Amino acid sequence: MEKELAKYQSLHKKYLVLYLKAVLVGKYLTYGMLLIWFWRVPVASISQQLVQPF
């Protein structure tokens, strides 16, 4: 009984570690994609009339 429980806990821990690694990789990929996506979007734009002299 205890061997089965230890085996189950070991297997569960292995799957949990694998799941957490997958979540971490997914999180970093998501952050990277959002960073690349928003990097190209201008925060503010200046109109041509303000840039050119009177």
PDB file of N, CA and C in Angstrom:
ATOM      1  N   MET A   1       0.825  -1.196   0.000  1.00  0.00           N
ATOM      2  CA  MET A   1       0.000   0.000   0.000  1.00  0.00           C
ATOM      3  C   MET A   1       0.868   1.259   0.000  1.00  0.00           C
ATOM      4  N   GLU A   2       1.880   1.283   0.855  1.00  0.00           N
ATOM      5  CA  GLU A   2       2.741   2.458   0.926  1.00  0.00           C
ATOM      6  C   GLU A   2       3.582   2.607  -0.338  1.00  0.00           C
ATOM      7  N   LYS A   3       3.974   1.486  -0.925  1.00  0.00           N
ATOM      8  CA  LYS A   3       4.755   1.549  -2.159  1.00  0.00           C
ATOM      9  C   LYS A   3       3.919   2.138  -3.290  1.00  0.00           C
ATOM     10  N   GLU A   4       2.657   1.729  -3.335  1.00  0.00           N
ATOM     11  CA  GLU A   4       1.771   2.266  -4.370  1.00  0.00           C
ATOM     12  C   GLU A   4       1.561   3.767  -4.185  1.00  0.00           C
ATOM     13  N   LEU A   5       1.399   4.168  -2.924  1.00  0.00           N
ATOM     14  CA  LEU A   5       1.209   5.587  -2.630  1.00  0.00           C
ATOM     15  C   LEU A   5       2.462   6.388  -2.992  1.00  0.00           C
ATOM     16  N   ALA A   6       3.631   5.868  -2.647  1.00  0.00           N
ATOM     17  CA  ALA A   6       4.885   6.545  -2.976  1.00  0.00           C
ATOM     18  C   ALA A   6       5.071   6.622  -4.490  1.00  0.00           C
ATOM     19  N   LYS A   7       4.712   5.549  -5.185  1.00  0.00           N
ATOM     20  CA  LYS A   7       4.821   5.537  -6.646  1.00  0.00           C
ATOM     21  C   LYS A   7       3.880   6.572  -7.259  1.00  0.00           C
ATOM     22  N   TYR A   8       2.657   6.622  -6.743  1.00  0.00           N
ATOM     23  CA  TYR A   8       1.678   7.585  -7.243  1.00  0.00           C
ATOM     24  C   TYR A   8       2.150   9.017  -6.991  1.00  0.00           C
ATOM     25  N   GLN A   9       2.669   9.277  -5.786  1.00  0.00           N
ATOM     26  CA  GLN A   9       3.142  10.621  -5.458  1.00  0.00           C
ATOM     27  C   GLN A   9       4.330  11.016  -6.328  1.00  0.00           C
ATOM     28  N   SER A  10       5.220  10.075  -6.579  1.00  0.00           N
ATOM     29  CA  SER A  10       6.380  10.346  -7.427  1.00  0.00           C
ATOM     30  C   SER A  10       5.938  10.675  -8.852  1.00  0.00           C
ATOM     31  N   LEU A  11       5.004   9.901  -9.366  1.00  0.00           N
ATOM     32  CA  LEU A  11       4.491  10.132 -10.713  1.00  0.00           C
ATOM     33  C   LEU A  11       3.767  11.475 -10.791  1.00  0.00           C
ATOM     34  N   HIS A  12       2.976  11.757  -9.757  1.00  0.00           N
ATOM     35  CA  HIS A  12       2.240  13.018  -9.713  1.00  0.00           C
ATOM     36  C   HIS A  12       3.205  14.204  -9.669  1.00  0.00           C
ATOM     37  N   LYS A  13       4.266  14.085  -8.877  1.00  0.00           N
ATOM     38  CA  LYS A  13       5.254  15.161  -8.770  1.00  0.00           C
ATOM     39  C   LYS A  13       5.958  15.378 -10.108  1.00  0.00           C
ATOM     40  N   LYS A  14       6.262  14.287 -10.807  1.00  0.00           N
ATOM     41  CA  LYS A  14       6.931  14.385 -12.103  1.00  0.00           C
ATOM     42  C   LYS A  14       6.044  15.126 -13.107  1.00  0.00           C
ATOM     43  N   TYR A  15       4.754  14.782 -13.125  1.00  0.00           N
ATOM     44  CA  TYR A  15       3.828  15.448 -14.037  1.00  0.00           C
ATOM     45  C   TYR A  15       3.632  16.916 -13.648  1.00  0.00           C
ATOM     46  N   LEU A  16       3.632  17.196 -12.358  1.00  0.00           N
ATOM     47  CA  LEU A  16       3.470  18.567 -11.895  1.00  0.00           C
ATOM     48  C   LEU A  16       4.660  19.425 -12.323  1.00  0.00           C
ATOM     49  N   VAL A  17       5.868  18.903 -12.186  1.00  0.00           N
ATOM     50  CA  VAL A  17       7.066  19.634 -12.606  1.00  0.00           C
ATOM     51  C   VAL A  17       7.031  19.875 -14.112  1.00  0.00           C
ATOM     52  N   LEU A  18       6.640  18.874 -14.874  1.00  0.00           N
ATOM     53  CA  LEU A  18       6.535  19.023 -16.326  1.00  0.00           C
ATOM     54  C   LEU A  18       5.491  20.077 -16.693  1.00  0.00           C
ATOM     55  N   TYR A  19       4.363  20.049 -16.007  1.00  0.00           N
ATOM     56  CA  TYR A  19       3.302  21.027 -16.251  1.00  0.00           C
ATOM     57  C   TYR A  19       3.780  22.444 -15.938  1.00  0.00           C
ATOM     58  N   LEU A  20       4.470  22.611 -14.812  1.00  0.00           N
ATOM     59  CA  LEU A  20       4.946  23.934 -14.434  1.00  0.00           C
ATOM     60  C   LEU A  20       5.989  24.459 -15.417  1.00  0.00           C
ATOM     61  N   LYS A  21       6.832  23.577 -15.935  1.00  0.00           N
ATOM     62  CA  LYS A  21       7.803  23.997 -16.951  1.00  0.00           C
ATOM     63  C   LYS A  21       7.084  24.437 -18.219  1.00  0.00           C
ATOM     64  N   ALA A  22       6.057  23.701 -18.613  1.00  0.00           N
ATOM     65  CA  ALA A  22       5.297  24.052 -19.817  1.00  0.00           C
ATOM     66  C   ALA A  22       4.589  25.393 -19.638  1.00  0.00           C
ATOM     67  N   VAL A  23       4.037  25.634 -18.464  1.00  0.00           N
ATOM     68  CA  VAL A  23       3.370  26.907 -18.197  1.00  0.00           C
ATOM     69  C   VAL A  23       4.379  28.051 -18.237  1.00  0.00           C
ATOM     70  N   LEU A  24       5.557  27.830 -17.676  1.00  0.00           N
ATOM     71  CA  LEU A  24       6.595  28.859 -17.675  1.00  0.00           C
ATOM     72  C   LEU A  24       7.051  29.193 -19.094  1.00  0.00           C
ATOM     73  N   VAL A  25       7.257  28.176 -19.912  1.00  0.00           N
ATOM     74  CA  VAL A  25       7.655  28.398 -21.303  1.00  0.00           C
ATOM     75  C   VAL A  25       6.549  29.143 -22.049  1.00  0.00           C
ATOM     76  N   GLY A  26       5.313  28.749 -21.841  1.00  0.00           N
ATOM     77  CA  GLY A  26       4.192  29.435 -22.483  1.00  0.00           C
ATOM     78  C   GLY A  26       4.083  30.886 -22.061  1.00  0.00           C
ATOM     79  N   LYS A  27       4.345  31.134 -20.782  1.00  0.00           N
ATOM     80  CA  LYS A  27       4.294  32.506 -20.283  1.00  0.00           C
ATOM     81  C   LYS A  27       5.376  33.365 -20.933  1.00  0.00           C
ATOM     82  N   TYR A  28       6.594  32.838 -21.013  1.00  0.00           N
ATOM     83  CA  TYR A  28       7.681  33.594 -21.632  1.00  0.00           C
ATOM     84  C   TYR A  28       7.425  33.825 -23.121  1.00  0.00           C
ATOM     85  N   LEU A  29       6.880  32.827 -23.804  1.00  0.00           N
ATOM     86  CA  LEU A  29       6.552  33.008 -25.224  1.00  0.00           C
ATOM     87  C   LEU A  29       5.480  34.085 -25.405  1.00  0.00           C
ATOM     88  N   THR A  30       4.487  34.076 -24.528  1.00  0.00           N
ATOM     89  CA  THR A  30       3.427  35.075 -24.601  1.00  0.00           C
ATOM     90  C   THR A  30       3.984  36.471 -24.350  1.00  0.00           C
ATOM     91  N   TYR A  31       4.827  36.610 -23.321  1.00  0.00           N
ATOM     92  CA  TYR A  31       5.430  37.911 -23.033  1.00  0.00           C
ATOM     93  C   TYR A  31       6.283  38.381 -24.205  1.00  0.00           C
ATOM     94  N   GLY A  32       7.033  37.467 -24.800  1.00  0.00           N
ATOM     95  CA  GLY A  32       7.877  37.820 -25.942  1.00  0.00           C
ATOM     96  C   GLY A  32       7.055  38.274 -27.131  1.00  0.00           C
ATOM     97  N   MET A  33       5.973  37.551 -27.418  1.00  0.00           N
ATOM     98  CA  MET A  33       5.122  37.929 -28.551  1.00  0.00           C
ATOM     99  C   MET A  33       4.458  39.283 -28.311  1.00  0.00           C
ATOM    100  N   LEU A  34       3.983  39.521 -27.093  1.00  0.00           N
ATOM    101  CA  LEU A  34       3.371  40.815 -26.790  1.00  0.00           C
ATOM    102  C   LEU A  34       4.391  41.943 -26.877  1.00  0.00           C
ATOM    103  N   LEU A  35       5.604  41.687 -26.410  1.00  0.00           N
ATOM    104  CA  LEU A  35       6.658  42.698 -26.483  1.00  0.00           C
ATOM    105  C   LEU A  35       6.978  43.045 -27.928  1.00  0.00           C
ATOM    106  N   ILE A  36       7.125  42.037 -28.771  1.00  0.00           N
ATOM    107  CA  ILE A  36       7.411  42.283 -30.189  1.00  0.00           C
ATOM    108  C   ILE A  36       6.234  42.990 -30.862  1.00  0.00           C
ATOM    109  N   TRP A  37       5.020  42.582 -30.498  1.00  0.00           N
ATOM    110  CA  TRP A  37       3.828  43.166 -31.112  1.00  0.00           C
ATOM    111  C   TRP A  37       3.694  44.647 -30.754  1.00  0.00           C
ATOM    112  N   PHE A  38       3.844  44.982 -29.458  1.00  0.00           N
ATOM    113  CA  PHE A  38       3.651  46.363 -29.020  1.00  0.00           C
ATOM    114  C   PHE A  38       4.878  47.228 -29.252  1.00  0.00           C
ATOM    115  N   TRP A  39       6.022  46.635 -29.537  1.00  0.00           N
ATOM    116  CA  TRP A  39       7.233  47.413 -29.788  1.00  0.00           C
ATOM    117  C   TRP A  39       7.065  48.274 -31.041  1.00  0.00           C
ATOM    118  N   ARG A  40       6.307  47.776 -32.025  1.00  0.00           N
ATOM    119  CA  ARG A  40       6.128  48.491 -33.288  1.00  0.00           C
ATOM    120  C   ARG A  40       5.050  49.562 -33.207  1.00  0.00           C
ATOM    121  N   VAL A  41       4.201  49.512 -32.197  1.00  0.00           N
ATOM    122  CA  VAL A  41       3.102  50.474 -32.091  1.00  0.00           C
ATOM    123  C   VAL A  41       3.638  51.770 -31.487  1.00  0.00           C
ATOM    124  N   PRO A  42       3.467  52.905 -32.174  1.00  0.00           N
ATOM    125  CA  PRO A  42       3.962  54.167 -31.613  1.00  0.00           C
ATOM    126  C   PRO A  42       3.150  54.581 -30.387  1.00  0.00           C
ATOM    127  N   VAL A  43       3.847  55.076 -29.392  1.00  0.00           N
ATOM    128  CA  VAL A  43       3.168  55.510 -28.171  1.00  0.00           C
ATOM    129  C   VAL A  43       2.481  56.849 -28.414  1.00  0.00           C
ATOM    130  N   ALA A  44       3.187  57.752 -29.077  1.00  0.00           N
ATOM    131  CA  ALA A  44       2.623  59.064 -29.396  1.00  0.00           C
ATOM    132  C   ALA A  44       3.124  59.478 -30.772  1.00  0.00           C
ATOM    133  N   SER A  45       2.332  60.226 -31.461  1.00  0.00           N
ATOM    134  CA  SER A  45       2.754  60.717 -32.778  1.00  0.00           C
ATOM    135  C   SER A  45       2.601  62.234 -32.816  1.00  0.00           C
ATOM    136  N   ILE A  46       3.528  62.863 -33.486  1.00  0.00           N
ATOM    137  CA  ILE A  46       3.513  64.318 -33.624  1.00  0.00           C
ATOM    138  C   ILE A  46       2.997  64.640 -35.023  1.00  0.00           C
ATOM    139  N   SER A  47       2.074  65.563 -35.110  1.00  0.00           N
ATOM    140  CA  SER A  47       1.505  65.908 -36.415  1.00  0.00           C
ATOM    141  C   SER A  47       2.534  66.653 -37.262  1.00  0.00           C
ATOM    142  N   GLN A  48       2.375  66.580 -38.581  1.00  0.00           N
ATOM    143  CA  GLN A  48       3.292  67.235 -39.523  1.00  0.00           C
ATOM    144  C   GLN A  48       3.316  68.744 -39.306  1.00  0.00           C
ATOM    145  N   GLN A  49       2.202  69.344 -38.933  1.00  0.00           N
ATOM    146  CA  GLN A  49       2.124  70.795 -38.755  1.00  0.00           C
ATOM    147  C   GLN A  49       3.026  71.264 -37.616  1.00  0.00           C
ATOM    148  N   LEU A  50       3.181  70.444 -36.590  1.00  0.00           N
ATOM    149  CA  LEU A  50       4.052  70.824 -35.480  1.00  0.00           C
ATOM    150  C   LEU A  50       5.522  70.621 -35.817  1.00  0.00           C
ATOM    151  N   VAL A  51       5.812  69.688 -36.680  1.00  0.00           N
ATOM    152  CA  VAL A  51       7.197  69.382 -37.021  1.00  0.00           C
ATOM    153  C   VAL A  51       7.755  70.411 -37.990  1.00  0.00           C
ATOM    154  N   GLN A  52       6.947  70.842 -38.959  1.00  0.00           N
ATOM    155  CA  GLN A  52       7.422  71.792 -39.968  1.00  0.00           C
ATOM    156  C   GLN A  52       7.400  73.218 -39.400  1.00  0.00           C
ATOM    157  N   PRO A  53       8.370  74.019 -39.823  1.00  0.00           N
ATOM    158  CA  PRO A  53       8.385  75.418 -39.332  1.00  0.00           C
ATOM    159  C   PRO A  53       7.234  76.221 -39.940  1.00  0.00           C
ATOM    160  N   PHE A  54       6.946  77.339 -39.315  1.00  0.00           N
ATOM    161  CA  PHE A  54       5.861  78.200 -39.794  1.00  0.00           C
ATOM    162  C   PHE A  54       6.236  78.674 -41.149  1.00  0.00           C
TER     163      PHE A  54
END
